[in-house]
PDB file of N, CA and C in Angstrom:
ATOM      1  N   MET A   1       1.242  -1.269   0.097  1.00  0.00           N
ATOM      2  CA  MET A   1       0.388   0.069   0.440  1.00  0.00           C
ATOM      3  C   MET A   1       0.947   1.002   0.115  1.00  0.00           C
ATOM      4  N   ASN A   2       0.527   2.636  -0.615  1.00  0.00           N
ATOM      5  CA  ASN A   2       1.202   3.491  -0.752  1.00  0.00           C
ATOM      6  C   ASN A   2       1.325   4.405   0.737  1.00  0.00           C
ATOM      7  N   PRO A   3       2.580   4.386   1.040  1.00  0.00           N
ATOM      8  CA  PRO A   3       2.594   5.072   2.237  1.00  0.00           C
ATOM      9  C   PRO A   3       2.284   6.216   2.713  1.00  0.00           C
ATOM     10  N   ILE A   4       2.082   7.050   1.645  1.00  0.00           N
ATOM     11  CA  ILE A   4       1.335   8.539   1.728  1.00  0.00           C
ATOM     12  C   ILE A   4      -0.123   8.485   1.898  1.00  0.00           C
ATOM     13  N   ARG A   5      -0.705   7.649   1.937  1.00  0.00           N
ATOM     14  CA  ARG A   5      -2.146   7.708   1.738  1.00  0.00           C
ATOM     15  C   ARG A   5      -2.369   7.544   3.313  1.00  0.00           C
ATOM     16  N   PRO A   6      -2.097   6.684   3.869  1.00  0.00           N
ATOM     17  CA  PRO A   6      -2.622   6.820   5.446  1.00  0.00           C
ATOM     18  C   PRO A   6      -1.970   7.889   5.974  1.00  0.00           C
ATOM     19  N   TRP A   7      -0.784   8.455   5.859  1.00  0.00           N
ATOM     20  CA  TRP A   7      -0.701   9.857   6.507  1.00  0.00           C
ATOM     21  C   TRP A   7      -1.457  11.232   5.714  1.00  0.00           C
ATOM     22  N   ARG A   8      -2.089  10.972   4.873  1.00  0.00           N
ATOM     23  CA  ARG A   8      -2.684  12.190   4.286  1.00  0.00           C
ATOM     24  C   ARG A   8      -3.894  12.086   5.142  1.00  0.00           C
ATOM     25  N   ASN A   9      -4.569  10.526   5.097  1.00  0.00           N
ATOM     26  CA  ASN A   9      -5.767  10.238   5.535  1.00  0.00           C
ATOM     27  C   ASN A   9      -5.794  10.498   7.049  1.00  0.00           C
ATOM     28  N   ARG A  10      -4.711  10.495   7.662  1.00  0.00           N
ATOM     29  CA  ARG A  10      -5.052  10.591   9.222  1.00  0.00           C
ATOM     30  C   ARG A  10      -4.855  11.628   9.482  1.00  0.00           C
ATOM     31  N   ARG A  11      -3.734  12.566   8.961  1.00  0.00           N
ATOM     32  CA  ARG A  11      -2.833  13.498   9.602  1.00  0.00           C
ATOM     33  C   ARG A  11      -3.007  15.268   8.822  1.00  0.00           C
ATOM     34  N   GLY A  12      -3.206  14.578   6.920  1.00  0.00           N
ATOM     35  CA  GLY A  12      -2.687  15.613   6.145  1.00  0.00           C
ATOM     36  C   GLY A  12      -4.137  16.115   5.501  1.00  0.00           C
ATOM     37  N   ALA A  13      -5.312  15.748   5.466  1.00  0.00           N
ATOM     38  CA  ALA A  13      -6.553  15.672   5.234  1.00  0.00           C
ATOM     39  C   ALA A  13      -7.415  15.899   6.237  1.00  0.00           C
ATOM     40  N   HIS A  14      -7.494  15.007   7.201  1.00  0.00           N
ATOM     41  CA  HIS A  14      -8.580  15.099   8.498  1.00  0.00           C
ATOM     42  C   HIS A  14      -7.797  14.135   9.171  1.00  0.00           C
ATOM     43  N   THR A  15      -9.105  13.799  10.416  1.00  0.00           N
ATOM     44  CA  THR A  15      -8.818  13.148  11.470  1.00  0.00           C
ATOM     45  C   THR A  15      -9.076  12.017  11.204  1.00  0.00           C
ATOM     46  N   ASP A  16      -8.761  10.525  10.989  1.00  0.00           N
ATOM     47  CA  ASP A  16      -9.849   9.626  10.867  1.00  0.00           C
ATOM     48  C   ASP A  16     -10.323   9.054  12.753  1.00  0.00           C
ATOM     49  N   LEU A  17     -11.569   8.414  12.694  1.00  0.00           N
ATOM     50  CA  LEU A  17     -12.017   8.250  13.925  1.00  0.00           C
ATOM     51  C   LEU A  17     -10.940   7.334  14.810  1.00  0.00           C
ATOM     52  N   GLU A  18      -9.955   6.584  14.297  1.00  0.00           N
ATOM     53  CA  GLU A  18      -9.198   5.692  15.301  1.00  0.00           C
ATOM     54  C   GLU A  18      -8.185   6.962  15.901  1.00  0.00           C
ATOM     55  N   THR A  19      -7.842   7.705  15.137  1.00  0.00           N
ATOM     56  CA  THR A  19      -6.963   8.797  15.738  1.00  0.00           C
ATOM     57  C   THR A  19      -7.511   9.607  16.597  1.00  0.00           C
ATOM     58  N   ALA A  20      -8.493  10.141  16.136  1.00  0.00           N
ATOM     59  CA  ALA A  20      -9.186  11.063  17.067  1.00  0.00           C
ATOM     60  C   ALA A  20      -9.537  10.161  18.499  1.00  0.00           C
ATOM     61  N   ILE A  21     -10.101   9.429  18.620  1.00  0.00           N
ATOM     62  CA  ILE A  21     -10.394   8.593  19.565  1.00  0.00           C
ATOM     63  C   ILE A  21      -9.499   8.043  20.394  1.00  0.00           C
ATOM     64  N   PHE A  22      -8.365   6.862  19.769  1.00  0.00           N
ATOM     65  CA  PHE A  22      -7.529   6.586  20.704  1.00  0.00           C
ATOM     66  C   PHE A  22      -6.076   6.841  20.077  1.00  0.00           C
ATOM     67  N   GLY A  23      -5.860   8.017  19.653  1.00  0.00           N
ATOM     68  CA  GLY A  23      -4.691   8.624  19.274  1.00  0.00           C
ATOM     69  C   GLY A  23      -3.719   7.901  18.665  1.00  0.00           C
ATOM     70  N   SER A  24      -4.030   6.876  17.960  1.00  0.00           N
ATOM     71  CA  SER A  24      -2.986   6.180  17.308  1.00  0.00           C
ATOM     72  C   SER A  24      -1.889   6.829  16.302  1.00  0.00           C
ATOM     73  N   PRO A  25      -0.787   6.254  16.311  1.00  0.00           N
ATOM     74  CA  PRO A  25       0.479   7.231  15.939  1.00  0.00           C
ATOM     75  C   PRO A  25       0.384   7.170  14.227  1.00  0.00           C
ATOM     76  N   VAL A  26       0.202   8.286  13.946  1.00  0.00           N
ATOM     77  CA  VAL A  26       0.513   8.267  12.231  1.00  0.00           C
ATOM     78  C   VAL A  26       1.529   7.557  11.841  1.00  0.00           C
ATOM     79  N   PRO A  27       1.656   6.880  10.686  1.00  0.00           N
ATOM     80  CA  PRO A  27       2.990   6.445  10.048  1.00  0.00           C
ATOM     81  C   PRO A  27       3.760   7.549   9.844  1.00  0.00           C
ATOM     82  N   ASP A  28       5.149   6.896   9.964  1.00  0.00           N
ATOM     83  CA  ASP A  28       5.921   7.793   9.382  1.00  0.00           C
ATOM     84  C   ASP A  28       6.065   7.648   8.096  1.00  0.00           C
ATOM     85  N   ILE A  29       6.871   8.525   7.593  1.00  0.00           N
ATOM     86  CA  ILE A  29       7.119   8.695   6.115  1.00  0.00           C
ATOM     87  C   ILE A  29       8.255   9.543   5.614  1.00  0.00           C
ATOM     88  N   THR A  30       9.119   8.962   4.684  1.00  0.00           N
ATOM     89  CA  THR A  30      10.466   9.526   4.394  1.00  0.00           C
ATOM     90  C   THR A  30      10.360  10.223   3.377  1.00  0.00           C
ATOM     91  N   TYR A  31      11.439  11.211   3.312  1.00  0.00           N
ATOM     92  CA  TYR A  31      11.651  12.340   2.310  1.00  0.00           C
ATOM     93  C   TYR A  31      11.364  11.685   0.925  1.00  0.00           C
ATOM     94  N   GLU A  32      11.809   9.963   1.061  1.00  0.00           N
ATOM     95  CA  GLU A  32      12.012   9.572  -0.426  1.00  0.00           C
ATOM     96  C   GLU A  32      10.797   9.564  -1.162  1.00  0.00           C
ATOM     97  N   GLU A  33       9.985   9.009   0.067  1.00  0.00           N
ATOM     98  CA  GLU A  33       8.296   8.402  -0.094  1.00  0.00           C
ATOM     99  C   GLU A  33       7.763   9.465  -0.604  1.00  0.00           C
ATOM    100  N   ILE A  34       7.974  11.134   0.108  1.00  0.00           N
ATOM    101  CA  ILE A  34       7.151  12.037  -0.062  1.00  0.00           C
ATOM    102  C   ILE A  34       7.977  12.581  -1.811  1.00  0.00           C
ATOM    103  N   GLU A  35       9.119  12.538  -2.067  1.00  0.00           N
ATOM    104  CA  GLU A  35       9.532  13.005  -3.634  1.00  0.00           C
ATOM    105  C   GLU A  35       8.983  12.121  -4.433  1.00  0.00           C
ATOM    106  N   THR A  36       8.775  10.897  -4.316  1.00  0.00           N
ATOM    107  CA  THR A  36       8.344   9.949  -4.973  1.00  0.00           C
ATOM    108  C   THR A  36       6.688  10.392  -5.495  1.00  0.00           C
ATOM    109  N   ALA A  37       5.974  10.725  -4.376  1.00  0.00           N
ATOM    110  CA  ALA A  37       4.440  11.269  -4.561  1.00  0.00           C
ATOM    111  C   ALA A  37       4.563  12.462  -5.047  1.00  0.00           C
ATOM    112  N   VAL A  38       5.495  13.362  -5.152  1.00  0.00           N
ATOM    113  CA  VAL A  38       5.573  14.413  -5.728  1.00  0.00           C
ATOM    114  C   VAL A  38       5.622  14.579  -7.080  1.00  0.00           C
ATOM    115  N   ALA A  39       7.113  13.465  -7.555  1.00  0.00           N
ATOM    116  CA  ALA A  39       7.202  13.079  -8.992  1.00  0.00           C
ATOM    117  C   ALA A  39       6.142  12.716  -9.618  1.00  0.00           C
ATOM    118  N   SER A  40       5.118  11.845  -8.932  1.00  0.00           N
ATOM    119  CA  SER A  40       3.887  11.603  -9.807  1.00  0.00           C
ATOM    120  C   SER A  40       3.336  12.634 -10.371  1.00  0.00           C
ATOM    121  N   PHE A  41       3.143  13.888  -9.305  1.00  0.00           N
ATOM    122  CA  PHE A  41       2.715  14.794  -9.323  1.00  0.00           C
ATOM    123  C   PHE A  41       3.051  15.608 -11.096  1.00  0.00           C
ATOM    124  N   ARG A  42       4.109  15.868 -10.892  1.00  0.00           N
ATOM    125  CA  ARG A  42       4.789  16.508 -12.106  1.00  0.00           C
ATOM    126  C   ARG A  42       4.705  15.252 -13.056  1.00  0.00           C
ATOM    127  N   LYS A  43       4.664  14.338 -13.188  1.00  0.00           N
ATOM    128  CA  LYS A  43       4.279  13.463 -14.311  1.00  0.00           C
ATOM    129  C   LYS A  43       2.629  13.768 -15.136  1.00  0.00           C
ATOM    130  N   LEU A  44       2.013  13.898 -13.709  1.00  0.00           N
ATOM    131  CA  LEU A  44       0.643  14.587 -14.378  1.00  0.00           C
ATOM    132  C   LEU A  44       0.713  15.741 -14.585  1.00  0.00           C
ATOM    133  N   LEU A  45       0.923  16.796 -14.116  1.00  0.00           N
ATOM    134  CA  LEU A  45       1.054  17.857 -14.708  1.00  0.00           C
ATOM    135  C   LEU A  45       1.536  18.540 -15.872  1.00  0.00           C
ATOM    136  N   ASN A  46       2.909  17.415 -16.470  1.00  0.00           N
ATOM    137  CA  ASN A  46       3.399  17.467 -17.653  1.00  0.00           C
ATOM    138  C   ASN A  46       2.746  17.016 -18.743  1.00  0.00           C
ATOM    139  N   ARG A  47       1.950  15.795 -18.482  1.00  0.00           N
ATOM    140  CA  ARG A  47       0.857  15.244 -19.179  1.00  0.00           C
ATOM    141  C   ARG A  47       0.112  16.255 -19.621  1.00  0.00           C
ATOM    142  N   ILE A  48      -0.263  16.846 -18.530  1.00  0.00           N
ATOM    143  CA  ILE A  48      -1.630  17.984 -19.104  1.00  0.00           C
ATOM    144  C   ILE A  48      -1.148  19.378 -19.819  1.00  0.00           C
ATOM    145  N   GLU A  49       0.032  19.541 -19.501  1.00  0.00           N
ATOM    146  CA  GLU A  49       1.213  20.782 -20.297  1.00  0.00           C
ATOM    147  C   GLU A  49       1.170  20.288 -21.699  1.00  0.00           C
ATOM    148  N   GLN A  50       1.378  19.242 -21.913  1.00  0.00           N
ATOM    149  CA  GLN A  50       1.642  18.490 -23.531  1.00  0.00           C
ATOM    150  C   GLN A  50       0.524  18.768 -24.199  1.00  0.00           C
ATOM    151  N   HIS A  51      -0.489  18.245 -23.388  1.00  0.00           N
ATOM    152  CA  HIS A  51      -1.733  17.948 -24.226  1.00  0.00           C
ATOM    153  C   HIS A  51      -2.406  19.431 -24.555  1.00  0.00           C
ATOM    154  N   TYR A  52      -2.392  20.544 -23.560  1.00  0.00           N
ATOM    155  CA  TYR A  52      -2.894  21.486 -24.004  1.00  0.00           C
ATOM    156  C   TYR A  52      -2.069  22.880 -24.532  1.00  0.00           C
ATOM    157  N   TRP A  53      -0.757  22.761 -24.161  1.00  0.00           N
ATOM    158  CA  TRP A  53       0.093  23.831 -24.840  1.00  0.00           C
ATOM    159  C   TRP A  53       1.354  23.281 -25.347  1.00  0.00           C
ATOM    160  N   ARG A  54       0.859  21.644 -25.831  1.00  0.00           N
ATOM    161  CA  ARG A  54       2.261  21.254 -26.767  1.00  0.00           C
ATOM    162  C   ARG A  54       3.921  21.257 -26.005  1.00  0.00           C
ATOM    163  N   SER A  55       3.971  21.402 -24.714  1.00  0.00           N
ATOM    164  CA  SER A  55       5.480  21.577 -24.130  1.00  0.00           C
ATOM    165  C   SER A  55       5.411  21.283 -22.802  1.00  0.00           C
ATOM    166  N   PRO A  56       6.103  20.281 -21.974  1.00  0.00           N
ATOM    167  CA  PRO A  56       6.190  20.122 -20.964  1.00  0.00           C
ATOM    168  C   PRO A  56       6.786  21.181 -20.146  1.00  0.00           C
ATOM    169  N   THR A  57       6.889  21.520 -18.529  1.00  0.00           N
ATOM    170  CA  THR A  57       7.019  22.172 -17.696  1.00  0.00           C
ATOM    171  C   THR A  57       8.461  21.975 -16.797  1.00  0.00           C
ATOM    172  N   MET A  58       9.254  22.414 -16.383  1.00  0.00           N
ATOM    173  CA  MET A  58      10.138  21.739 -15.634  1.00  0.00           C
ATOM    174  C   MET A  58      10.012  21.958 -14.399  1.00  0.00           C
ATOM    175  N   TYR A  59       9.073  21.568 -13.826  1.00  0.00           N
ATOM    176  CA  TYR A  59       8.713  21.549 -12.251  1.00  0.00           C
ATOM    177  C   TYR A  59       9.674  21.539 -11.517  1.00  0.00           C
ATOM    178  N   GLU A  60      10.526  20.498 -11.250  1.00  0.00           N
ATOM    179  CA  GLU A  60      11.374  20.320 -10.397  1.00  0.00           C
ATOM    180  C   GLU A  60      12.284  21.399 -10.366  1.00  0.00           C
ATOM    181  N   GLU A  61      12.704  21.873 -11.623  1.00  0.00           N
ATOM    182  CA  GLU A  61      13.619  22.584 -11.854  1.00  0.00           C
ATOM    183  C   GLU A  61      13.128  24.189 -11.018  1.00  0.00           C
ATOM    184  N   ILE A  62      11.653  24.094 -11.070  1.00  0.00           N
ATOM    185  CA  ILE A  62      11.439  25.335 -10.592  1.00  0.00           C
ATOM    186  C   ILE A  62      11.206  25.132  -8.827  1.00  0.00           C
ATOM    187  N   VAL A  63      11.062  24.147  -8.131  1.00  0.00           N
ATOM    188  CA  VAL A  63      10.634  24.128  -6.718  1.00  0.00           C
ATOM    189  C   VAL A  63      11.519  23.523  -5.936  1.00  0.00           C
ATOM    190  N   ALA A  64      12.717  22.514  -6.783  1.00  0.00           N
ATOM    191  CA  ALA A  64      13.357  21.682  -6.005  1.00  0.00           C
ATOM    192  C   ALA A  64      14.606  22.570  -5.265  1.00  0.00           C
ATOM    193  N   PRO A  65      15.120  23.954  -6.209  1.00  0.00           N
ATOM    194  CA  PRO A  65      16.502  24.783  -5.796  1.00  0.00           C
ATOM    195  C   PRO A  65      15.943  24.611  -3.907  1.00  0.00           C
ATOM    196  N   SER A  66      15.324  25.570  -3.827  1.00  0.00           N
ATOM    197  CA  SER A  66      15.082  25.700  -2.219  1.00  0.00           C
ATOM    198  C   SER A  66      14.241  24.551  -1.450  1.00  0.00           C
ATOM    199  N   GLY A  67      13.315  23.905  -2.189  1.00  0.00           N
ATOM    200  CA  GLY A  67      12.703  22.618  -1.850  1.00  0.00           C
ATOM    201  C   GLY A  67      11.432  22.567  -0.728  1.00  0.00           C
ATOM    202  N   ASP A  68      11.097  23.632  -0.693  1.00  0.00           N
ATOM    203  CA  ASP A  68      10.337  23.615   0.784  1.00  0.00           C
ATOM    204  C   ASP A  68       8.711  24.242   0.105  1.00  0.00           C
ATOM    205  N   ALA A  69       7.451  23.590   1.034  1.00  0.00           N
ATOM    206  CA  ALA A  69       6.208  24.364   0.574  1.00  0.00           C
ATOM    207  C   ALA A  69       6.398  25.758   0.439  1.00  0.00           C
ATOM    208  N   ASP A  70       7.116  26.617   1.023  1.00  0.00           N
ATOM    209  CA  ASP A  70       7.189  28.261   0.796  1.00  0.00           C
ATOM    210  C   ASP A  70       7.748  28.369  -0.589  1.00  0.00           C
ATOM    211  N   SER A  71       8.371  27.517  -1.082  1.00  0.00           N
ATOM    212  CA  SER A  71       8.866  28.129  -2.292  1.00  0.00           C
ATOM    213  C   SER A  71       7.477  27.479  -3.791  1.00  0.00           C
ATOM    214  N   LEU A  72       7.042  26.185  -3.418  1.00  0.00           N
ATOM    215  CA  LEU A  72       5.791  26.160  -4.022  1.00  0.00           C
ATOM    216  C   LEU A  72       4.779  27.035  -4.377  1.00  0.00           C
ATOM    217  N   VAL A  73       4.078  27.626  -2.886  1.00  0.00           N
ATOM    218  CA  VAL A  73       3.101  28.754  -2.808  1.00  0.00           C
ATOM    219  C   VAL A  73       3.400  29.766  -3.610  1.00  0.00           C
ATOM    220  N   PHE A  74       4.889  29.968  -3.448  1.00  0.00           N
ATOM    221  CA  PHE A  74       5.149  31.586  -3.943  1.00  0.00           C
ATOM    222  C   PHE A  74       5.349  31.033  -5.626  1.00  0.00           C
ATOM    223  N   PHE A  75       5.593  30.045  -6.133  1.00  0.00           N
ATOM    224  CA  PHE A  75       5.532  29.889  -7.434  1.00  0.00           C
ATOM    225  C   PHE A  75       3.875  29.809  -8.513  1.00  0.00           C
ATOM    226  N   LEU A  76       3.093  29.172  -7.182  1.00  0.00           N
ATOM    227  CA  LEU A  76       1.870  29.162  -7.442  1.00  0.00           C
ATOM    228  C   LEU A  76       1.245  30.403  -7.619  1.00  0.00           C
ATOM    229  N   LEU A  77       1.353  31.381  -6.676  1.00  0.00           N
ATOM    230  CA  LEU A  77       0.952  32.275  -6.743  1.00  0.00           C
ATOM    231  C   LEU A  77       1.107  33.036  -7.989  1.00  0.00           C
ATOM    232  N   LYS A  78       2.594  32.952  -8.376  1.00  0.00           N
ATOM    233  CA  LYS A  78       3.398  33.837  -9.453  1.00  0.00           C
ATOM    234  C   LYS A  78       2.396  33.697 -10.589  1.00  0.00           C
ATOM    235  N   GLY A  79       2.065  32.261 -10.569  1.00  0.00           N
ATOM    236  CA  GLY A  79       1.652  31.905 -11.758  1.00  0.00           C
ATOM    237  C   GLY A  79       0.052  32.356 -12.142  1.00  0.00           C
ATOM    238  N   ILE A  80      -0.678  32.442 -10.816  1.00  0.00           N
ATOM    239  CA  ILE A  80      -2.006  33.111 -10.677  1.00  0.00           C
ATOM    240  C   ILE A  80      -1.810  34.189 -10.823  1.00  0.00           C
ATOM    241  N   ARG A  81      -1.184  34.863 -10.633  1.00  0.00           N
ATOM    242  CA  ARG A  81      -1.143  36.711 -10.671  1.00  0.00           C
ATOM    243  C   ARG A  81      -0.901  36.968 -12.413  1.00  0.00           C
ATOM    244  N   ALA A  82       0.370  36.171 -13.155  1.00  0.00           N
ATOM    245  CA  ALA A  82       0.837  36.561 -14.321  1.00  0.00           C
ATOM    246  C   ALA A  82      -0.537  35.998 -14.965  1.00  0.00           C
ATOM    247  N   ASP A  83      -1.560  34.575 -14.891  1.00  0.00           N
ATOM    248  CA  ASP A  83      -2.865  34.650 -15.591  1.00  0.00           C
ATOM    249  C   ASP A  83      -3.728  35.352 -15.380  1.00  0.00           C
ATOM    250  N   GLU A  84      -3.820  36.237 -14.505  1.00  0.00           N
ATOM    251  CA  GLU A  84      -4.908  37.188 -14.025  1.00  0.00           C
ATOM    252  C   GLU A  84      -4.326  38.259 -14.633  1.00  0.00           C
ATOM    253  N   ALA A  85      -2.846  38.896 -14.986  1.00  0.00           N
ATOM    254  CA  ALA A  85      -2.873  39.938 -15.591  1.00  0.00           C
ATOM    255  C   ALA A  85      -2.704  39.881 -17.206  1.00  0.00           C
ATOM    256  N   ARG A  86      -2.592  38.394 -17.921  1.00  0.00           N
ATOM    257  CA  ARG A  86      -2.903  38.065 -19.208  1.00  0.00           C
ATOM    258  C   ARG A  86      -4.377  38.246 -19.386  1.00  0.00           C
ATOM    259  N   HIS A  87      -5.377  37.883 -18.295  1.00  0.00           N
ATOM    260  CA  HIS A  87      -6.673  37.685 -18.339  1.00  0.00           C
ATOM    261  C   HIS A  87      -6.893  39.300 -18.529  1.00  0.00           C
ATOM    262  N   GLN A  88      -6.309  40.150 -17.849  1.00  0.00           N
ATOM    263  CA  GLN A  88      -6.715  41.841 -18.107  1.00  0.00           C
ATOM    264  C   GLN A  88      -6.362  41.927 -19.405  1.00  0.00           C
ATOM    265  N   ARG A  89      -5.153  42.010 -19.892  1.00  0.00           N
ATOM    266  CA  ARG A  89      -4.690  42.528 -20.696  1.00  0.00           C
ATOM    267  C   ARG A  89      -5.822  42.125 -21.938  1.00  0.00           C
ATOM    268  N   LEU A  90      -6.325  41.008 -21.902  1.00  0.00           N
ATOM    269  CA  LEU A  90      -7.336  40.682 -23.075  1.00  0.00           C
ATOM    270  C   LEU A  90      -8.536  41.353 -22.743  1.00  0.00           C
ATOM    271  N   LEU A  91      -8.689  41.604 -21.495  1.00  0.00           N
ATOM    272  CA  LEU A  91     -10.284  42.233 -21.402  1.00  0.00           C
ATOM    273  C   LEU A  91     -10.050  43.794 -21.878  1.00  0.00           C
ATOM    274  N   ASP A  92      -8.926  44.244 -21.593  1.00  0.00           N
ATOM    275  CA  ASP A  92      -8.552  45.701 -22.458  1.00  0.00           C
ATOM    276  C   ASP A  92      -8.255  45.825 -23.192  1.00  0.00           C
ATOM    277  N   GLY A  93      -8.205  44.831 -24.271  1.00  0.00           N
ATOM    278  CA  GLY A  93      -8.054  44.820 -25.669  1.00  0.00           C
ATOM    279  C   GLY A  93      -6.399  45.138 -25.831  1.00  0.00           C
ATOM    280  N   ASN A  94      -5.545  44.883 -25.369  1.00  0.00           N
ATOM    281  CA  ASN A  94      -4.246  44.996 -25.170  1.00  0.00           C
ATOM    282  C   ASN A  94      -2.961  43.854 -25.087  1.00  0.00           C
ATOM    283  N   PRO A  95      -3.595  42.654 -25.579  1.00  0.00           N
ATOM    284  CA  PRO A  95      -3.098  41.567 -24.891  1.00  0.00           C
ATOM    285  C   PRO A  95      -1.526  41.732 -25.927  1.00  0.00           C
ATOM    286  N   LEU A  96      -0.481  41.070 -25.478  1.00  0.00           N
ATOM    287  CA  LEU A  96       0.845  40.620 -25.719  1.00  0.00           C
ATOM    288  C   LEU A  96       0.633  39.269 -26.596  1.00  0.00           C
ATOM    289  N   PRO A  97       1.408  39.210 -27.663  1.00  0.00           N
ATOM    290  CA  PRO A  97       1.276  38.280 -28.744  1.00  0.00           C
ATOM    291  C   PRO A  97       1.045  36.693 -28.098  1.00  0.00           C
ATOM    292  N   GLU A  98       2.107  36.662 -26.998  1.00  0.00           N
ATOM    293  CA  GLU A  98       1.836  35.402 -26.239  1.00  0.00           C
ATOM    294  C   GLU A  98       0.767  35.226 -25.900  1.00  0.00           C
ATOM    295  N   ASP A  99      -0.257  36.374 -25.276  1.00  0.00           N
ATOM    296  CA  ASP A  99      -1.496  35.832 -24.844  1.00  0.00           C
ATOM    297  C   ASP A  99      -2.306  35.317 -25.655  1.00  0.00           C
ATOM    298  N   LEU A 100      -2.702  35.250 -26.862  1.00  0.00           N
ATOM    299  CA  LEU A 100      -3.192  35.092 -27.852  1.00  0.00           C
ATOM    300  C   LEU A 100      -2.655  33.878 -28.601  1.00  0.00           C
ATOM    301  N   ASN A 101      -1.868  33.190 -27.942  1.00  0.00           N
ATOM    302  CA  ASN A 101      -1.203  31.682 -28.341  1.00  0.00           C
ATOM    303  C   ASN A 101      -1.596  30.475 -27.170  1.00  0.00           C
ATOM    304  N   ARG A 102      -1.992  31.194 -26.438  1.00  0.00           N
ATOM    305  CA  ARG A 102      -2.488  30.119 -25.391  1.00  0.00           C
ATOM    306  C   ARG A 102      -3.798  29.620 -25.365  1.00  0.00           C
ATOM    307  N   GLU A 103      -3.967  28.332 -25.241  1.00  0.00           N
ATOM    308  CA  GLU A 103      -5.492  27.497 -24.984  1.00  0.00           C
ATOM    309  C   GLU A 103      -5.667  27.540 -23.469  1.00  0.00           C
ATOM    310  N   GLU A 104      -7.229  27.689 -23.613  1.00  0.00           N
ATOM    311  CA  GLU A 104      -7.369  27.517 -22.150  1.00  0.00           C
ATOM    312  C   GLU A 104      -7.764  26.042 -21.799  1.00  0.00           C
ATOM    313  N   LEU A 105      -7.873  25.804 -20.495  1.00  0.00           N
ATOM    314  CA  LEU A 105      -8.382  24.451 -20.170  1.00  0.00           C
ATOM    315  C   LEU A 105      -9.683  24.233 -19.614  1.00  0.00           C
ATOM    316  N   PRO A 106     -10.521  23.543 -20.304  1.00  0.00           N
ATOM    317  CA  PRO A 106     -11.952  23.187 -20.541  1.00  0.00           C
ATOM    318  C   PRO A 106     -12.470  23.491 -18.853  1.00  0.00           C
TER     319      PRO A 106
END
């Protein structure tokens, strides 16, 4: 069984009944197990990128140098802000050339 799922179910997402009532210990997970799970997300996101935009993104190059959750949140917010700015340029009628070449997700 995937070692990440019990941790997620009992600690990350919610507290299950057994843990809440009896204080069952949350299973330990290693850095390698976390990295394996994150690598799966990278592969999935790259498949989506490849399908819609015809090119992958180097997620590991963006997040891995500092390697913490704050970096991930920083780059996610940076992407959201860039998309909001692109959307506003389109609404204002002043798009950049790259704004017009991007397909939207359904």
